[in-house]
Amino acid sequence: MMVIYDDQSFGIYEKKGEDCMEFTRKTIGQMLNEISQEYPERDALIHTERSVRYNYTLLSWEVDRVEGGS
């Protein structure tokens, strides 16, 4: 995944096949939700200095929690 932003647009390039990237207009939150549904147990974020490890399910939950102000 590659995030593209300039003064006129915002979008994400998703990998579609071995040699192809496709531009899509989704929010980062939408992309995180899709990835967490497809790969819930895969590592999403690892911070070795703080001994923190999030899989996509936990990262998505934490993002939703912070977004909601809880």
Protein backbone atom coordinates (compact mmCIF):
# COMPACT_ATOMS: atom_id res chain seq x y z
CA MET A 1 0.00 0.00 0.00
CA MET A 2 1.23 3.48 -0.81
CA VAL A 3 -0.50 6.67 0.35
CA ILE A 4 -0.56 9.59 -2.07
CA TYR A 5 -1.49 13.11 -1.00
CA ASP A 6 -1.13 16.44 -2.73
CA ASP A 7 -3.01 19.74 -2.61
CA GLN A 8 -5.75 18.44 -4.91
CA SER A 9 -6.33 14.81 -3.97
CA PHE A 10 -5.83 12.03 -1.46
CA GLY A 11 -5.78 8.39 -2.32
CA ILE A 12 -4.15 5.06 -1.77
CA TYR A 13 -2.51 2.73 -4.24
CA GLU A 14 -3.36 -0.89 -3.46
CA LYS A 15 -1.44 -3.86 -4.77
CA LYS A 16 -3.61 -5.77 -7.25
CA GLY A 17 -1.71 -8.78 -8.46
CA GLU A 18 2.01 -9.35 -8.67
CA ASP A 19 2.97 -6.37 -10.85
CA CYS A 20 -0.02 -4.05 -10.62
CA MET A 21 -1.04 -1.19 -8.33
CA GLU A 22 -4.52 0.33 -8.49
CA PHE A 23 -5.52 3.79 -7.25
CA THR A 24 -8.47 3.86 -4.88
CA ARG A 25 -10.21 6.61 -2.94
CA LYS A 26 -10.62 5.07 0.49
CA THR A 27 -9.83 6.49 3.87
CA ILE A 28 -7.01 5.01 5.88
CA GLY A 29 -9.67 3.81 8.35
CA GLN A 30 -11.53 1.98 5.58
CA MET A 31 -8.29 0.35 4.45
CA LEU A 32 -7.43 -0.68 8.03
CA ASN A 33 -10.87 -2.25 8.46
CA GLU A 34 -10.51 -4.22 5.22
CA ILE A 35 -7.02 -5.43 6.10
CA SER A 36 -8.06 -6.37 9.64
CA GLN A 37 -10.94 -8.46 8.26
CA GLU A 38 -8.68 -10.22 5.77
CA TYR A 39 -5.63 -10.72 8.02
CA PRO A 40 -6.87 -10.39 11.63
CA GLU A 41 -3.99 -12.23 13.30
CA ARG A 42 -1.09 -10.83 11.26
CA ASP A 43 1.30 -8.38 12.86
CA ALA A 44 0.34 -4.80 12.11
CA LEU A 45 2.58 -2.78 14.42
CA ILE A 46 5.64 -3.82 16.41
CA HIS A 47 7.60 -1.49 18.70
CA THR A 48 10.55 -3.50 20.02
CA GLU A 49 11.86 -0.82 22.41
CA ARG A 50 8.54 -0.71 24.26
CA SER A 51 7.70 -4.41 23.82
CA VAL A 52 4.43 -3.56 22.05
CA ARG A 53 2.94 -5.83 19.41
CA TYR A 54 -0.44 -5.30 17.74
CA ASN A 55 -2.11 -7.61 15.26
CA TYR A 56 -4.61 -6.03 12.86
CA THR A 57 -7.61 -6.87 15.05
CA LEU A 58 -6.10 -5.15 18.08
CA LEU A 59 -4.81 -2.18 16.08
CA SER A 60 -8.23 -1.66 14.48
CA TRP A 61 -9.91 -1.86 17.89
CA GLU A 62 -7.45 0.65 19.37
CA VAL A 63 -7.94 3.08 16.48
CA ASP A 64 -11.73 2.83 16.85
CA ARG A 65 -11.43 3.37 20.63
CA VAL A 66 -9.28 6.49 20.25
CA GLU A 67 -11.46 7.81 17.44
CA GLY A 68 -14.51 7.52 19.69
CA GLY A 69 -12.82 9.40 22.50
CA SER A 70 -12.97 6.49 24.96
